């Protein structure tokens, strides 16, 4: 029987229990871990890759969604008013580079995140990955 390589997933690091959430909490996602069973997974945190610390002050998309941020029509602003758009875009670009460097089966991202979420609107990283043809699922 020929060797069949396992699926390779890029996954939000917080979903697999790494301490990367904005609040520094560990919240492994059981459904995501079940989906990853038997696969190779590459954990990423776009916010950390963009230079932001953990823990960090929560941020929101202001004036649009992730696509709008990438187009320069919206911003990412922390709850205390500090603009962190550049860090979010940089982190998204790093995640895209990692995704493009591997034979990725799919990408599993954190729901509700201004970086990774698809709902209620696509975050910056999710938007960039989708724009480049990647299949993205949120947990």
Protein backbone atom coordinates (compact mmCIF):
# COMPACT_ATOMS: atom_id res chain seq x y z
CA UNK A 1 0.00 0.00 0.00
CA UNK A 2 1.50 3.38 -0.97
CA UNK A 3 2.35 5.90 1.72
CA UNK A 4 -0.29 8.60 2.09
CA UNK A 5 0.91 11.75 3.79
CA UNK A 6 -1.32 13.16 6.51
CA UNK A 7 -3.35 16.32 6.06
CA UNK A 8 -1.54 19.53 7.02
CA UNK A 9 -3.52 22.29 8.72
CA UNK A 10 -2.59 25.80 9.71
CA UNK A 11 -4.44 26.49 12.97
CA UNK A 12 -4.93 29.41 15.32
CA UNK A 13 -2.52 28.69 18.16
CA UNK A 14 -5.13 29.54 20.79
CA UNK A 15 -7.41 26.74 19.51
CA UNK A 16 -4.78 24.09 20.31
CA UNK A 17 -4.21 25.38 23.83
CA UNK A 18 -1.20 27.65 23.40
CA UNK A 19 -1.14 30.77 25.55
CA UNK A 20 -1.72 33.25 22.72
CA UNK A 21 -5.20 34.61 23.40
CA UNK A 22 -5.40 38.37 23.94
CA UNK A 23 -6.29 37.77 27.62
CA UNK A 24 -3.53 35.21 28.17
CA UNK A 25 -6.04 32.46 28.97
CA UNK A 26 -5.70 28.90 27.70
CA UNK A 27 -8.88 27.63 26.07
CA UNK A 28 -8.19 24.58 23.92
CA UNK A 29 -11.07 23.92 21.50
CA UNK A 30 -12.16 20.27 21.71
CA UNK A 31 -13.98 20.28 18.36
CA UNK A 32 -10.92 21.73 16.63
CA UNK A 33 -8.62 19.18 18.28
CA UNK A 34 -10.93 16.39 17.11
CA UNK A 35 -10.79 17.77 13.56
CA UNK A 36 -6.97 17.80 13.75
CA UNK A 37 -6.68 14.19 14.97
CA UNK A 38 -4.19 12.32 12.82
CA UNK A 39 -3.15 15.46 10.95
CA UNK A 40 -0.04 17.57 11.03
CA UNK A 41 -0.83 21.04 12.34
CA UNK A 42 1.08 24.27 12.33
CA UNK A 43 -0.05 26.68 15.08
CA UNK A 44 0.08 30.40 14.32
CA UNK A 45 -0.98 33.56 16.12
CA UNK A 46 -1.15 36.49 13.70
CA UNK A 47 -1.30 39.03 16.49
CA UNK A 48 1.90 37.71 18.06
CA UNK A 49 3.53 37.39 14.62
CA UNK A 50 2.64 41.06 14.11
CA UNK A 51 4.59 41.97 17.24
CA UNK A 52 1.82 42.24 19.83
CA UNK A 53 2.35 40.78 23.32
CA UNK A 54 0.29 38.27 25.28
CA UNK A 55 -1.67 39.27 27.20
CA UNK A 56 -2.74 42.36 25.25
CA UNK A 57 -5.64 44.77 25.29
CA UNK A 58 -8.51 43.54 23.12
CA UNK A 59 -9.00 45.21 19.74
CA UNK A 60 -11.86 45.68 17.29
CA UNK A 61 -12.25 46.26 13.59
CA UNK A 62 -13.45 49.85 13.15
CA UNK A 63 -15.04 51.09 9.95
CA UNK A 64 -15.35 47.78 8.15
CA UNK A 65 -14.09 44.20 7.99
CA UNK A 66 -10.73 42.56 7.38
CA UNK A 67 -10.93 43.20 3.63
CA UNK A 68 -11.50 46.89 4.36
CA UNK A 69 -8.49 46.97 6.69
CA UNK A 70 -6.32 45.41 3.97
CA UNK A 71 -7.60 48.03 1.51
CA UNK A 72 -6.78 50.87 3.93
CA UNK A 73 -10.47 51.74 4.42
CA UNK A 74 -10.83 50.50 8.03
CA UNK A 75 -8.65 50.19 11.11
CA UNK A 76 -7.94 47.92 14.05
CA UNK A 77 -8.10 49.83 17.33
CA UNK A 78 -7.54 48.56 20.85
CA UNK A 79 -10.20 49.15 23.50
CA UNK A 80 -7.97 51.90 24.96
CA UNK A 81 -7.87 53.74 21.60
CA UNK A 82 -4.40 52.69 20.40
CA UNK A 83 -4.26 51.93 16.66
CA UNK A 84 -2.79 48.47 15.97
CA UNK A 85 -3.71 48.12 12.30
CA UNK A 86 -0.09 47.78 11.17
CA UNK A 87 0.53 44.91 13.60
CA UNK A 88 -2.60 43.07 12.45
CA UNK A 89 -1.68 43.45 8.77
CA UNK A 90 1.93 42.39 9.38
CA UNK A 91 0.79 39.33 11.31
CA UNK A 92 -1.65 38.40 8.54
CA UNK A 93 1.14 38.68 5.97
CA UNK A 94 3.36 36.37 8.05
CA UNK A 95 0.57 33.79 8.35
CA UNK A 96 0.01 33.97 4.59
CA UNK A 97 3.73 33.37 3.97
CA UNK A 98 3.65 30.31 6.23
CA UNK A 99 0.52 28.99 4.50
CA UNK A 100 2.09 29.48 1.07
CA UNK A 101 5.25 27.64 2.14
CA UNK A 102 3.43 24.38 2.96
CA UNK A 103 1.06 22.01 1.15
CA UNK A 104 -1.84 23.14 3.34
CA UNK A 105 -5.01 21.03 3.39
CA UNK A 106 -7.01 23.69 5.21
CA UNK A 107 -6.86 26.49 7.73
CA UNK A 108 -8.70 26.45 11.06
CA UNK A 109 -9.12 29.84 12.72
CA UNK A 110 -10.60 31.28 15.92
CA UNK A 111 -14.17 32.52 15.60
CA UNK A 112 -14.93 36.06 16.73
CA UNK A 113 -11.35 37.28 16.45
CA UNK A 114 -10.52 40.56 14.67
CA UNK A 115 -7.61 38.64 13.13
CA UNK A 116 -8.94 35.16 12.54
CA UNK A 117 -12.71 35.20 12.72
CA UNK A 118 -15.09 34.75 9.81
CA UNK A 119 -18.16 35.89 11.73
CA UNK A 120 -19.66 38.33 12.34
CA UNK A 121 -17.24 39.75 9.72
CA UNK A 122 -13.97 38.38 8.36
CA UNK A 123 -10.93 39.40 10.36
CA UNK A 124 -7.71 40.67 8.80
CA UNK A 125 -5.88 37.33 8.58
CA UNK A 126 -8.98 35.41 7.48
CA UNK A 127 -9.64 37.96 4.74
CA UNK A 128 -6.06 37.82 3.45
CA UNK A 129 -6.00 34.02 3.37
CA UNK A 130 -9.36 33.81 1.57
CA UNK A 131 -8.19 36.47 -0.90
CA UNK A 132 -5.29 34.16 -1.75
CA UNK A 133 -7.52 31.13 -2.31
CA UNK A 134 -7.19 29.26 0.98
CA UNK A 135 -10.08 27.34 2.51
CA UNK A 136 -10.76 28.72 5.98
CA UNK A 137 -12.96 27.20 8.69
CA UNK A 138 -13.63 28.82 12.05
CA UNK A 139 -13.98 27.19 15.44
